[in-house]
């Protein structure tokens, strides 16, 4: 690559990448992920931020991080805890409404 481009051209390419993102086919994915981040941020709870990698499409199985069975179990347990928490809040709200009526 250094033989094809002059030092000035490489500096220009690096500056362009720093401003506008990567100069590769993944550029469109990066731009759309950035747009998704900006669109979803007003809808998140206060203090929470979306990450760019949360919105990037993973096209190849090799690009995905490997997960163990324990990782999968942890994800399912976290989903179950959130479901139970939401159910408890719904039940508590229903009881308060019935007591107030």
PDB file of N, CA and C in Angstrom:
ATOM      1  N   UNK A   1       0.829  -1.187   0.000  1.00  0.00           N
ATOM      2  CA  UNK A   1       0.000   0.000   0.000  1.00  0.00           C
ATOM      3  C   UNK A   1       0.875   1.253   0.000  1.00  0.00           C
ATOM      4  N   UNK A   2       1.950   1.218   0.739  1.00  0.00           N
ATOM      5  CA  UNK A   2       2.820   2.383   0.814  1.00  0.00           C
ATOM      6  C   UNK A   2       3.445   2.714  -0.538  1.00  0.00           C
ATOM      7  N   UNK A   3       3.610   1.706  -1.398  1.00  0.00           N
ATOM      8  CA  UNK A   3       4.182   1.945  -2.715  1.00  0.00           C
ATOM      9  C   UNK A   3       3.175   2.600  -3.661  1.00  0.00           C
ATOM     10  N   UNK A   4       1.889   2.326  -3.459  1.00  0.00           N
ATOM     11  CA  UNK A   4       0.857   2.858  -4.346  1.00  0.00           C
ATOM     12  C   UNK A   4       0.499   4.305  -4.020  1.00  0.00           C
ATOM     13  N   UNK A   5       0.591   4.688  -2.744  1.00  0.00           N
ATOM     14  CA  UNK A   5       0.167   6.019  -2.318  1.00  0.00           C
ATOM     15  C   UNK A   5       1.345   6.820  -1.787  1.00  0.00           C
ATOM     16  N   UNK A   6       1.277   8.124  -2.000  1.00  0.00           N
ATOM     17  CA  UNK A   6       2.289   9.012  -1.422  1.00  0.00           C
ATOM     18  C   UNK A   6       1.933   9.272   0.041  1.00  0.00           C
ATOM     19  N   UNK A   7       2.861   9.833   0.783  1.00  0.00           N
ATOM     20  CA  UNK A   7       2.606  10.143   2.196  1.00  0.00           C
ATOM     21  C   UNK A   7       1.435  11.117   2.338  1.00  0.00           C
ATOM     22  N   UNK A   8       1.372  12.078   1.442  1.00  0.00           N
ATOM     23  CA  UNK A   8       0.293  13.075   1.502  1.00  0.00           C
ATOM     24  C   UNK A   8      -1.071  12.414   1.263  1.00  0.00           C
ATOM     25  N   UNK A   9      -1.135  11.475   0.320  1.00  0.00           N
ATOM     26  CA  UNK A   9      -2.395  10.781   0.041  1.00  0.00           C
ATOM     27  C   UNK A   9      -2.824   9.914   1.228  1.00  0.00           C
ATOM     28  N   UNK A  10      -1.882   9.258   1.878  1.00  0.00           N
ATOM     29  CA  UNK A  10      -2.212   8.431   3.047  1.00  0.00           C
ATOM     30  C   UNK A  10      -2.738   9.301   4.178  1.00  0.00           C
ATOM     31  N   UNK A  11      -2.100  10.456   4.399  1.00  0.00           N
ATOM     32  CA  UNK A  11      -2.576  11.384   5.436  1.00  0.00           C
ATOM     33  C   UNK A  11      -3.993  11.832   5.101  1.00  0.00           C
ATOM     34  N   UNK A  12      -4.243  12.117   3.833  1.00  0.00           N
ATOM     35  CA  UNK A  12      -5.578  12.538   3.404  1.00  0.00           C
ATOM     36  C   UNK A  12      -6.600  11.420   3.635  1.00  0.00           C
ATOM     37  N   UNK A  13      -6.255  10.186   3.296  1.00  0.00           N
ATOM     38  CA  UNK A  13      -7.167   9.055   3.514  1.00  0.00           C
ATOM     39  C   UNK A  13      -7.460   8.833   4.994  1.00  0.00           C
ATOM     40  N   UNK A  14      -6.448   8.932   5.826  1.00  0.00           N
ATOM     41  CA  UNK A  14      -6.643   8.753   7.272  1.00  0.00           C
ATOM     42  C   UNK A  14      -7.537   9.855   7.822  1.00  0.00           C
ATOM     43  N   UNK A  15      -7.313  11.088   7.378  1.00  0.00           N
ATOM     44  CA  UNK A  15      -8.156  12.199   7.829  1.00  0.00           C
ATOM     45  C   UNK A  15      -9.603  11.989   7.386  1.00  0.00           C
ATOM     46  N   UNK A  16      -9.795  11.527   6.159  1.00  0.00           N
ATOM     47  CA  UNK A  16     -11.140  11.246   5.654  1.00  0.00           C
ATOM     48  C   UNK A  16     -11.818  10.167   6.498  1.00  0.00           C
ATOM     49  N   UNK A  17     -11.089   9.100   6.810  1.00  0.00           N
ATOM     50  CA  UNK A  17     -11.649   8.030   7.627  1.00  0.00           C
ATOM     51  C   UNK A  17     -12.007   8.527   9.014  1.00  0.00           C
ATOM     52  N   UNK A  18     -11.191   9.366   9.600  1.00  0.00           N
ATOM     53  CA  UNK A  18     -11.483   9.891  10.928  1.00  0.00           C
ATOM     54  C   UNK A  18     -12.741  10.743  10.932  1.00  0.00           C
ATOM     55  N   UNK A  19     -13.002  11.447   9.829  1.00  0.00           N
ATOM     56  CA  UNK A  19     -14.193  12.296   9.752  1.00  0.00           C
ATOM     57  C   UNK A  19     -15.449  11.524   9.368  1.00  0.00           C
ATOM     58  N   UNK A  20     -15.326  10.625   8.387  1.00  0.00           N
ATOM     59  CA  UNK A  20     -16.512  10.022   7.791  1.00  0.00           C
ATOM     60  C   UNK A  20     -16.634   8.519   7.968  1.00  0.00           C
ATOM     61  N   UNK A  21     -15.718   7.902   8.651  1.00  0.00           N
ATOM     62  CA  UNK A  21     -15.806   6.466   8.858  1.00  0.00           C
ATOM     63  C   UNK A  21     -14.937   5.688   7.889  1.00  0.00           C
ATOM     64  N   UNK A  22     -14.945   4.369   8.003  1.00  0.00           N
ATOM     65  CA  UNK A  22     -14.042   3.525   7.215  1.00  0.00           C
ATOM     66  C   UNK A  22     -14.323   3.585   5.712  1.00  0.00           C
ATOM     67  N   UNK A  23     -13.274   3.431   4.940  1.00  0.00           N
ATOM     68  CA  UNK A  23     -13.382   3.421   3.479  1.00  0.00           C
ATOM     69  C   UNK A  23     -13.397   1.961   3.041  1.00  0.00           C
ATOM     70  N   UNK A  24     -14.442   1.276   3.339  1.00  0.00           N
ATOM     71  CA  UNK A  24     -14.587  -0.138   3.005  1.00  0.00           C
ATOM     72  C   UNK A  24     -16.061  -0.409   2.739  1.00  0.00           C
ATOM     73  N   UNK A  25     -16.408  -1.599   2.295  1.00  0.00           N
ATOM     74  CA  UNK A  25     -17.834  -1.924   2.154  1.00  0.00           C
ATOM     75  C   UNK A  25     -18.599  -1.844   3.475  1.00  0.00           C
ATOM     76  N   UNK A  26     -17.887  -1.932   4.605  1.00  0.00           N
ATOM     77  CA  UNK A  26     -18.563  -1.846   5.897  1.00  0.00           C
ATOM     78  C   UNK A  26     -18.992  -0.420   6.234  1.00  0.00           C
ATOM     79  N   UNK A  27     -18.617   0.533   5.387  1.00  0.00           N
ATOM     80  CA  UNK A  27     -18.912   1.928   5.687  1.00  0.00           C
ATOM     81  C   UNK A  27     -20.412   2.156   5.825  1.00  0.00           C
ATOM     82  N   UNK A  28     -21.204   1.615   4.933  1.00  0.00           N
ATOM     83  CA  UNK A  28     -22.643   1.798   5.000  1.00  0.00           C
ATOM     84  C   UNK A  28     -23.202   1.203   6.286  1.00  0.00           C
ATOM     85  N   UNK A  29     -22.680   0.047   6.695  1.00  0.00           N
ATOM     86  CA  UNK A  29     -23.112  -0.547   7.954  1.00  0.00           C
ATOM     87  C   UNK A  29     -22.807   0.378   9.127  1.00  0.00           C
ATOM     88  N   UNK A  30     -21.628   0.978   9.101  1.00  0.00           N
ATOM     89  CA  UNK A  30     -21.236   1.897  10.181  1.00  0.00           C
ATOM     90  C   UNK A  30     -22.149   3.122  10.203  1.00  0.00           C
ATOM     91  N   UNK A  31     -22.441   3.663   9.032  1.00  0.00           N
ATOM     92  CA  UNK A  31     -23.299   4.842   8.968  1.00  0.00           C
ATOM     93  C   UNK A  31     -24.711   4.533   9.460  1.00  0.00           C
ATOM     94  N   UNK A  32     -25.247   3.391   9.052  1.00  0.00           N
ATOM     95  CA  UNK A  32     -26.590   3.018   9.497  1.00  0.00           C
ATOM     96  C   UNK A  32     -26.621   2.707  10.992  1.00  0.00           C
ATOM     97  N   UNK A  33     -25.563   2.105  11.503  1.00  0.00           N
ATOM     98  CA  UNK A  33     -25.487   1.841  12.940  1.00  0.00           C
ATOM     99  C   UNK A  33     -25.442   3.152  13.714  1.00  0.00           C
ATOM    100  N   UNK A  34     -24.704   4.115  13.209  1.00  0.00           N
ATOM    101  CA  UNK A  34     -24.624   5.429  13.858  1.00  0.00           C
ATOM    102  C   UNK A  34     -25.987   6.113  13.831  1.00  0.00           C
ATOM    103  N   UNK A  35     -26.684   6.013  12.714  1.00  0.00           N
ATOM    104  CA  UNK A  35     -28.024   6.574  12.608  1.00  0.00           C
ATOM    105  C   UNK A  35     -28.973   5.903  13.597  1.00  0.00           C
ATOM    106  N   UNK A  36     -28.897   4.590  13.695  1.00  0.00           N
ATOM    107  CA  UNK A  36     -29.742   3.858  14.650  1.00  0.00           C
ATOM    108  C   UNK A  36     -29.439   4.289  16.082  1.00  0.00           C
ATOM    109  N   UNK A  37     -28.174   4.502  16.393  1.00  0.00           N
ATOM    110  CA  UNK A  37     -27.802   4.973  17.728  1.00  0.00           C
ATOM    111  C   UNK A  37     -28.466   6.313  18.027  1.00  0.00           C
ATOM    112  N   UNK A  38     -28.421   7.221  17.062  1.00  0.00           N
ATOM    113  CA  UNK A  38     -29.003   8.552  17.255  1.00  0.00           C
ATOM    114  C   UNK A  38     -30.526   8.490  17.353  1.00  0.00           C
ATOM    115  N   UNK A  39     -31.134   7.569  16.613  1.00  0.00           N
ATOM    116  CA  UNK A  39     -32.590   7.459  16.643  1.00  0.00           C
ATOM    117  C   UNK A  39     -33.108   6.852  17.944  1.00  0.00           C
ATOM    118  N   UNK A  40     -32.370   5.906  18.495  1.00  0.00           N
ATOM    119  CA  UNK A  40     -32.853   5.204  19.678  1.00  0.00           C
ATOM    120  C   UNK A  40     -32.510   5.920  20.985  1.00  0.00           C
ATOM    121  N   UNK A  41     -31.500   6.774  20.976  1.00  0.00           N
ATOM    122  CA  UNK A  41     -31.033   7.388  22.222  1.00  0.00           C
ATOM    123  C   UNK A  41     -32.114   8.178  22.966  1.00  0.00           C
ATOM    124  N   UNK A  42     -33.013   8.927  22.302  1.00  0.00           N
ATOM    125  CA  UNK A  42     -34.041   9.630  23.081  1.00  0.00           C
ATOM    126  C   UNK A  42     -35.043   8.696  23.770  1.00  0.00           C
ATOM    127  N   UNK A  43     -35.107   7.448  23.326  1.00  0.00           N
ATOM    128  CA  UNK A  43     -36.098   6.524  23.869  1.00  0.00           C
ATOM    129  C   UNK A  43     -35.553   5.641  24.986  1.00  0.00           C
ATOM    130  N   UNK A  44     -34.281   5.774  25.306  1.00  0.00           N
ATOM    131  CA  UNK A  44     -33.676   4.976  26.372  1.00  0.00           C
ATOM    132  C   UNK A  44     -33.919   5.639  27.722  1.00  0.00           C
ATOM    133  N   UNK A  45     -33.813   4.850  28.767  1.00  0.00           N
ATOM    134  CA  UNK A  45     -33.954   5.399  30.106  1.00  0.00           C
ATOM    135  C   UNK A  45     -32.836   6.395  30.367  1.00  0.00           C
ATOM    136  N   UNK A  46     -33.097   7.329  31.249  1.00  0.00           N
ATOM    137  CA  UNK A  46     -32.111   8.362  31.562  1.00  0.00           C
ATOM    138  C   UNK A  46     -30.813   7.725  32.063  1.00  0.00           C
ATOM    139  N   UNK A  47     -29.706   8.193  31.540  1.00  0.00           N
ATOM    140  CA  UNK A  47     -28.410   7.689  31.956  1.00  0.00           C
ATOM    141  C   UNK A  47     -27.915   6.498  31.153  1.00  0.00           C
ATOM    142  N   UNK A  48     -28.772   5.886  30.351  1.00  0.00           N
ATOM    143  CA  UNK A  48     -28.354   4.742  29.531  1.00  0.00           C
ATOM    144  C   UNK A  48     -27.950   5.242  28.165  1.00  0.00           C
ATOM    145  N   UNK A  49     -26.926   4.618  27.606  1.00  0.00           N
ATOM    146  CA  UNK A  49     -26.456   4.990  26.278  1.00  0.00           C
ATOM    147  C   UNK A  49     -26.367   3.750  25.408  1.00  0.00           C
ATOM    148  N   UNK A  50     -26.683   3.936  24.176  1.00  0.00           N
ATOM    149  CA  UNK A  50     -26.569   2.861  23.203  1.00  0.00           C
ATOM    150  C   UNK A  50     -25.129   2.817  22.700  1.00  0.00           C
ATOM    151  N   UNK A  51     -24.662   1.631  22.362  1.00  0.00           N
ATOM    152  CA  UNK A  51     -23.307   1.470  21.838  1.00  0.00           C
ATOM    153  C   UNK A  51     -23.379   1.165  20.353  1.00  0.00           C
ATOM    154  N   UNK A  52     -22.373   1.596  19.632  1.00  0.00           N
ATOM    155  CA  UNK A  52     -22.342   1.390  18.187  1.00  0.00           C
ATOM    156  C   UNK A  52     -22.386  -0.095  17.846  1.00  0.00           C
ATOM    157  N   UNK A  53     -21.671  -0.906  18.602  1.00  0.00           N
ATOM    158  CA  UNK A  53     -21.627  -2.338  18.276  1.00  0.00           C
ATOM    159  C   UNK A  53     -22.982  -3.017  18.479  1.00  0.00           C
ATOM    160  N   UNK A  54     -23.872  -2.399  19.270  1.00  0.00           N
ATOM    161  CA  UNK A  54     -25.216  -2.954  19.447  1.00  0.00           C
ATOM    162  C   UNK A  54     -26.040  -2.868  18.164  1.00  0.00           C
ATOM    163  N   UNK A  55     -25.671  -1.958  17.282  1.00  0.00           N
ATOM    164  CA  UNK A  55     -26.459  -1.722  16.071  1.00  0.00           C
ATOM    165  C   UNK A  55     -25.779  -2.214  14.803  1.00  0.00           C
ATOM    166  N   UNK A  56     -24.569  -2.711  14.911  1.00  0.00           N
ATOM    167  CA  UNK A  56     -23.863  -3.197  13.730  1.00  0.00           C
ATOM    168  C   UNK A  56     -24.354  -4.584  13.346  1.00  0.00           C
ATOM    169  N   UNK A  57     -24.563  -4.781  12.067  1.00  0.00           N
ATOM    170  CA  UNK A  57     -24.942  -6.101  11.564  1.00  0.00           C
ATOM    171  C   UNK A  57     -23.711  -6.994  11.560  1.00  0.00           C
ATOM    172  N   UNK A  58     -23.866  -8.234  11.982  1.00  0.00           N
ATOM    173  CA  UNK A  58     -22.782  -9.204  11.928  1.00  0.00           C
ATOM    174  C   UNK A  58     -23.096 -10.154  10.783  1.00  0.00           C
ATOM    175  N   UNK A  59     -22.295 -10.084   9.735  1.00  0.00           N
ATOM    176  CA  UNK A  59     -22.571 -10.850   8.528  1.00  0.00           C
ATOM    177  C   UNK A  59     -21.918 -12.219   8.531  1.00  0.00           C
ATOM    178  N   UNK A  60     -20.864 -12.365   9.281  1.00  0.00           N
ATOM    179  CA  UNK A  60     -20.114 -13.614   9.248  1.00  0.00           C
ATOM    180  C   UNK A  60     -20.137 -14.272  10.625  1.00  0.00           C
ATOM    181  N   UNK A  61     -20.256 -15.571  10.639  1.00  0.00           N
ATOM    182  CA  UNK A  61     -20.212 -16.315  11.901  1.00  0.00           C
ATOM    183  C   UNK A  61     -18.866 -16.128  12.580  1.00  0.00           C
ATOM    184  N   UNK A  62     -17.799 -15.953  11.785  1.00  0.00           N
ATOM    185  CA  UNK A  62     -16.455 -15.779  12.346  1.00  0.00           C
ATOM    186  C   UNK A  62     -16.312 -14.441  13.071  1.00  0.00           C
ATOM    187  N   UNK A  63     -17.135 -13.430  12.700  1.00  0.00           N
ATOM    188  CA  UNK A  63     -17.064 -12.119  13.343  1.00  0.00           C
ATOM    189  C   UNK A  63     -17.740 -12.095  14.703  1.00  0.00           C
ATOM    190  N   UNK A  64     -18.574 -13.081  14.963  1.00  0.00           N
ATOM    191  CA  UNK A  64     -19.318 -13.100  16.223  1.00  0.00           C
ATOM    192  C   UNK A  64     -18.453 -13.667  17.344  1.00  0.00           C
ATOM    193  N   UNK A  65     -18.547 -13.069  18.527  1.00  0.00           N
ATOM    194  CA  UNK A  65     -17.787 -13.640  19.643  1.00  0.00           C
ATOM    195  C   UNK A  65     -18.363 -14.998  20.034  1.00  0.00           C
ATOM    196  N   UNK A  66     -17.506 -15.921  20.387  1.00  0.00           N
ATOM    197  CA  UNK A  66     -17.959 -17.250  20.785  1.00  0.00           C
ATOM    198  C   UNK A  66     -18.587 -17.167  22.166  1.00  0.00           C
ATOM    199  N   UNK A  67     -19.677 -17.868  22.347  1.00  0.00           N
ATOM    200  CA  UNK A  67     -20.358 -17.900  23.635  1.00  0.00           C
ATOM    201  C   UNK A  67     -20.412 -19.337  24.120  1.00  0.00           C
ATOM    202  N   UNK A  68     -20.180 -19.476  25.404  1.00  0.00           N
ATOM    203  CA  UNK A  68     -20.234 -20.806  26.001  1.00  0.00           C
ATOM    204  C   UNK A  68     -21.667 -21.093  26.450  1.00  0.00           C
ATOM    205  N   UNK A  69     -21.878 -22.306  26.901  1.00  0.00           N
ATOM    206  CA  UNK A  69     -23.181 -22.665  27.454  1.00  0.00           C
ATOM    207  C   UNK A  69     -23.523 -21.823  28.680  1.00  0.00           C
ATOM    208  N   UNK A  70     -22.507 -21.498  29.467  1.00  0.00           N
ATOM    209  CA  UNK A  70     -22.736 -20.651  30.652  1.00  0.00           C
ATOM    210  C   UNK A  70     -23.180 -19.249  30.243  1.00  0.00           C
ATOM    211  N   UNK A  71     -22.627 -18.735  29.143  1.00  0.00           N
ATOM    212  CA  UNK A  71     -23.058 -17.428  28.647  1.00  0.00           C
ATOM    213  C   UNK A  71     -24.535 -17.463  28.251  1.00  0.00           C
ATOM    214  N   UNK A  72     -24.927 -18.512  27.550  1.00  0.00           N
ATOM    215  CA  UNK A  72     -26.327 -18.657  27.146  1.00  0.00           C
ATOM    216  C   UNK A  72     -27.229 -18.786  28.368  1.00  0.00           C
ATOM    217  N   UNK A  73     -26.809 -19.570  29.342  1.00  0.00           N
ATOM    218  CA  UNK A  73     -27.592 -19.736  30.563  1.00  0.00           C
ATOM    219  C   UNK A  73     -27.748 -18.400  31.280  1.00  0.00           C
ATOM    220  N   UNK A  74     -26.683 -17.615  31.348  1.00  0.00           N
ATOM    221  CA  UNK A  74     -26.741 -16.304  31.992  1.00  0.00           C
ATOM    222  C   UNK A  74     -27.727 -15.379  31.300  1.00  0.00           C
ATOM    223  N   UNK A  75     -27.760 -15.422  29.972  1.00  0.00           N
ATOM    224  CA  UNK A  75     -28.697 -14.588  29.217  1.00  0.00           C
ATOM    225  C   UNK A  75     -30.131 -14.992  29.520  1.00  0.00           C
ATOM    226  N   UNK A  76     -30.392 -16.284  29.534  1.00  0.00           N
ATOM    227  CA  UNK A  76     -31.752 -16.772  29.818  1.00  0.00           C
ATOM    228  C   UNK A  76     -32.153 -16.423  31.249  1.00  0.00           C
ATOM    229  N   UNK A  77     -31.240 -16.584  32.206  1.00  0.00           N
ATOM    230  CA  UNK A  77     -31.548 -16.243  33.597  1.00  0.00           C
ATOM    231  C   UNK A  77     -31.836 -14.758  33.754  1.00  0.00           C
ATOM    232  N   UNK A  78     -31.082 -13.926  33.057  1.00  0.00           N
ATOM    233  CA  UNK A  78     -31.321 -12.487  33.119  1.00  0.00           C
ATOM    234  C   UNK A  78     -32.692 -12.140  32.538  1.00  0.00           C
ATOM    235  N   UNK A  79     -33.063 -12.780  31.434  1.00  0.00           N
ATOM    236  CA  UNK A  79     -34.381 -12.555  30.851  1.00  0.00           C
ATOM    237  C   UNK A  79     -35.479 -12.993  31.809  1.00  0.00           C
ATOM    238  N   UNK A  80     -35.278 -14.136  32.482  1.00  0.00           N
ATOM    239  CA  UNK A  80     -36.262 -14.635  33.429  1.00  0.00           C
ATOM    240  C   UNK A  80     -36.418 -13.683  34.609  1.00  0.00           C
ATOM    241  N   UNK A  81     -35.291 -13.168  35.142  1.00  0.00           N
ATOM    242  CA  UNK A  81     -35.358 -12.212  36.258  1.00  0.00           C
ATOM    243  C   UNK A  81     -36.114 -10.952  35.854  1.00  0.00           C
ATOM    244  N   UNK A  82     -35.852 -10.464  34.644  1.00  0.00           N
ATOM    245  CA  UNK A  82     -36.547  -9.265  34.177  1.00  0.00           C
ATOM    246  C   UNK A  82     -38.034  -9.537  34.014  1.00  0.00           C
ATOM    247  N   UNK A  83     -38.383 -10.700  33.496  1.00  0.00           N
ATOM    248  CA  UNK A  83     -39.791 -11.058  33.351  1.00  0.00           C
ATOM    249  C   UNK A  83     -40.476 -11.110  34.712  1.00  0.00           C
ATOM    250  N   UNK A  84     -39.846 -11.766  35.690  1.00  0.00           N
ATOM    251  CA  UNK A  84     -40.425 -11.860  37.034  1.00  0.00           C
ATOM    252  C   UNK A  84     -40.546 -10.480  37.684  1.00  0.00           C
ATOM    253  N   UNK A  85     -39.551  -9.626  37.482  1.00  0.00           N
ATOM    254  CA  UNK A  85     -39.587  -8.272  38.029  1.00  0.00           C
ATOM    255  C   UNK A  85     -40.762  -7.491  37.431  1.00  0.00           C
ATOM    256  N   UNK A  86     -40.934  -7.584  36.115  1.00  0.00           N
ATOM    257  CA  UNK A  86     -42.044  -6.899  35.454  1.00  0.00           C
ATOM    258  C   UNK A  86     -43.383  -7.434  35.935  1.00  0.00           C
ATOM    259  N   UNK A  87     -43.463  -8.739  36.111  1.00  0.00           N
ATOM    260  CA  UNK A  87     -44.702  -9.359  36.587  1.00  0.00           C
ATOM    261  C   UNK A  87     -45.024  -8.900  38.011  1.00  0.00           C
ATOM    262  N   UNK A  88     -44.005  -8.816  38.864  1.00  0.00           N
ATOM    263  CA  UNK A  88     -44.216  -8.330  40.239  1.00  0.00           C
ATOM    264  C   UNK A  88     -44.707  -6.888  40.238  1.00  0.00           C
ATOM    265  N   UNK A  89     -44.149  -6.067  39.384  1.00  0.00           N
ATOM    266  CA  UNK A  89     -44.582  -4.668  39.309  1.00  0.00           C
ATOM    267  C   UNK A  89     -46.026  -4.579  38.830  1.00  0.00           C
ATOM    268  N   UNK A  90     -46.415  -5.401  37.844  1.00  0.00           N
ATOM    269  CA  UNK A  90     -47.794  -5.408  37.360  1.00  0.00           C
ATOM    270  C   UNK A  90     -48.747  -5.845  38.455  1.00  0.00           C
ATOM    271  N   UNK A  91     -48.372  -6.886  39.184  1.00  0.00           N
ATOM    272  CA  UNK A  91     -49.214  -7.390  40.274  1.00  0.00           C
ATOM    273  C   UNK A  91     -49.372  -6.330  41.352  1.00  0.00           C
ATOM    274  N   UNK A  92     -48.276  -5.689  41.711  1.00  0.00           N
ATOM    275  CA  UNK A  92     -48.306  -4.648  42.745  1.00  0.00           C
ATOM    276  C   UNK A  92     -49.197  -3.478  42.308  1.00  0.00           C
ATOM    277  N   UNK A  93     -49.112  -3.054  41.055  1.00  0.00           N
ATOM    278  CA  UNK A  93     -49.944  -1.976  40.538  1.00  0.00           C
ATOM    279  C   UNK A  93     -51.422  -2.357  40.564  1.00  0.00           C
ATOM    280  N   UNK A  94     -51.717  -3.599  40.207  1.00  0.00           N
ATOM    281  CA  UNK A  94     -53.098  -4.069  40.199  1.00  0.00           C
ATOM    282  C   UNK A  94     -53.666  -4.052  41.614  1.00  0.00           C
ATOM    283  N   UNK A  95     -52.895  -4.496  42.596  1.00  0.00           N
ATOM    284  CA  UNK A  95     -53.347  -4.489  43.995  1.00  0.00           C
ATOM    285  C   UNK A  95     -53.622  -3.072  44.478  1.00  0.00           C
ATOM    286  N   UNK A  96     -52.757  -2.122  44.128  1.00  0.00           N
ATOM    287  CA  UNK A  96     -52.954  -0.742  44.561  1.00  0.00           C
ATOM    288  C   UNK A  96     -54.218  -0.164  43.951  1.00  0.00           C
ATOM    289  N   UNK A  97     -54.487  -0.483  42.691  1.00  0.00           N
ATOM    290  CA  UNK A  97     -55.708   0.015  42.051  1.00  0.00           C
ATOM    291  C   UNK A  97     -56.951  -0.556  42.728  1.00  0.00           C
ATOM    292  N   UNK A  98     -56.915  -1.847  43.067  1.00  0.00           N
ATOM    293  CA  UNK A  98     -58.071  -2.469  43.713  1.00  0.00           C
ATOM    294  C   UNK A  98     -58.289  -1.914  45.101  1.00  0.00           C
ATOM    295  N   UNK A  99     -57.203  -1.617  45.828  1.00  0.00           N
ATOM    296  CA  UNK A  99     -57.346  -1.061  47.172  1.00  0.00           C
ATOM    297  C   UNK A  99     -57.878   0.366  47.118  1.00  0.00           C
ATOM    298  N   UNK A 100     -57.480   1.113  46.105  1.00  0.00           N
ATOM    299  CA  UNK A 100     -57.917   2.502  45.973  1.00  0.00           C
ATOM    300  C   UNK A 100     -59.375   2.606  45.529  1.00  0.00           C
ATOM    301  N   UNK A 101     -59.906   1.581  44.893  1.00  0.00           N
ATOM    302  CA  UNK A 101     -61.276   1.637  44.363  1.00  0.00           C
ATOM    303  C   UNK A 101     -62.300   1.286  45.383  1.00  0.00           C
TER     304      UNK A 101
END
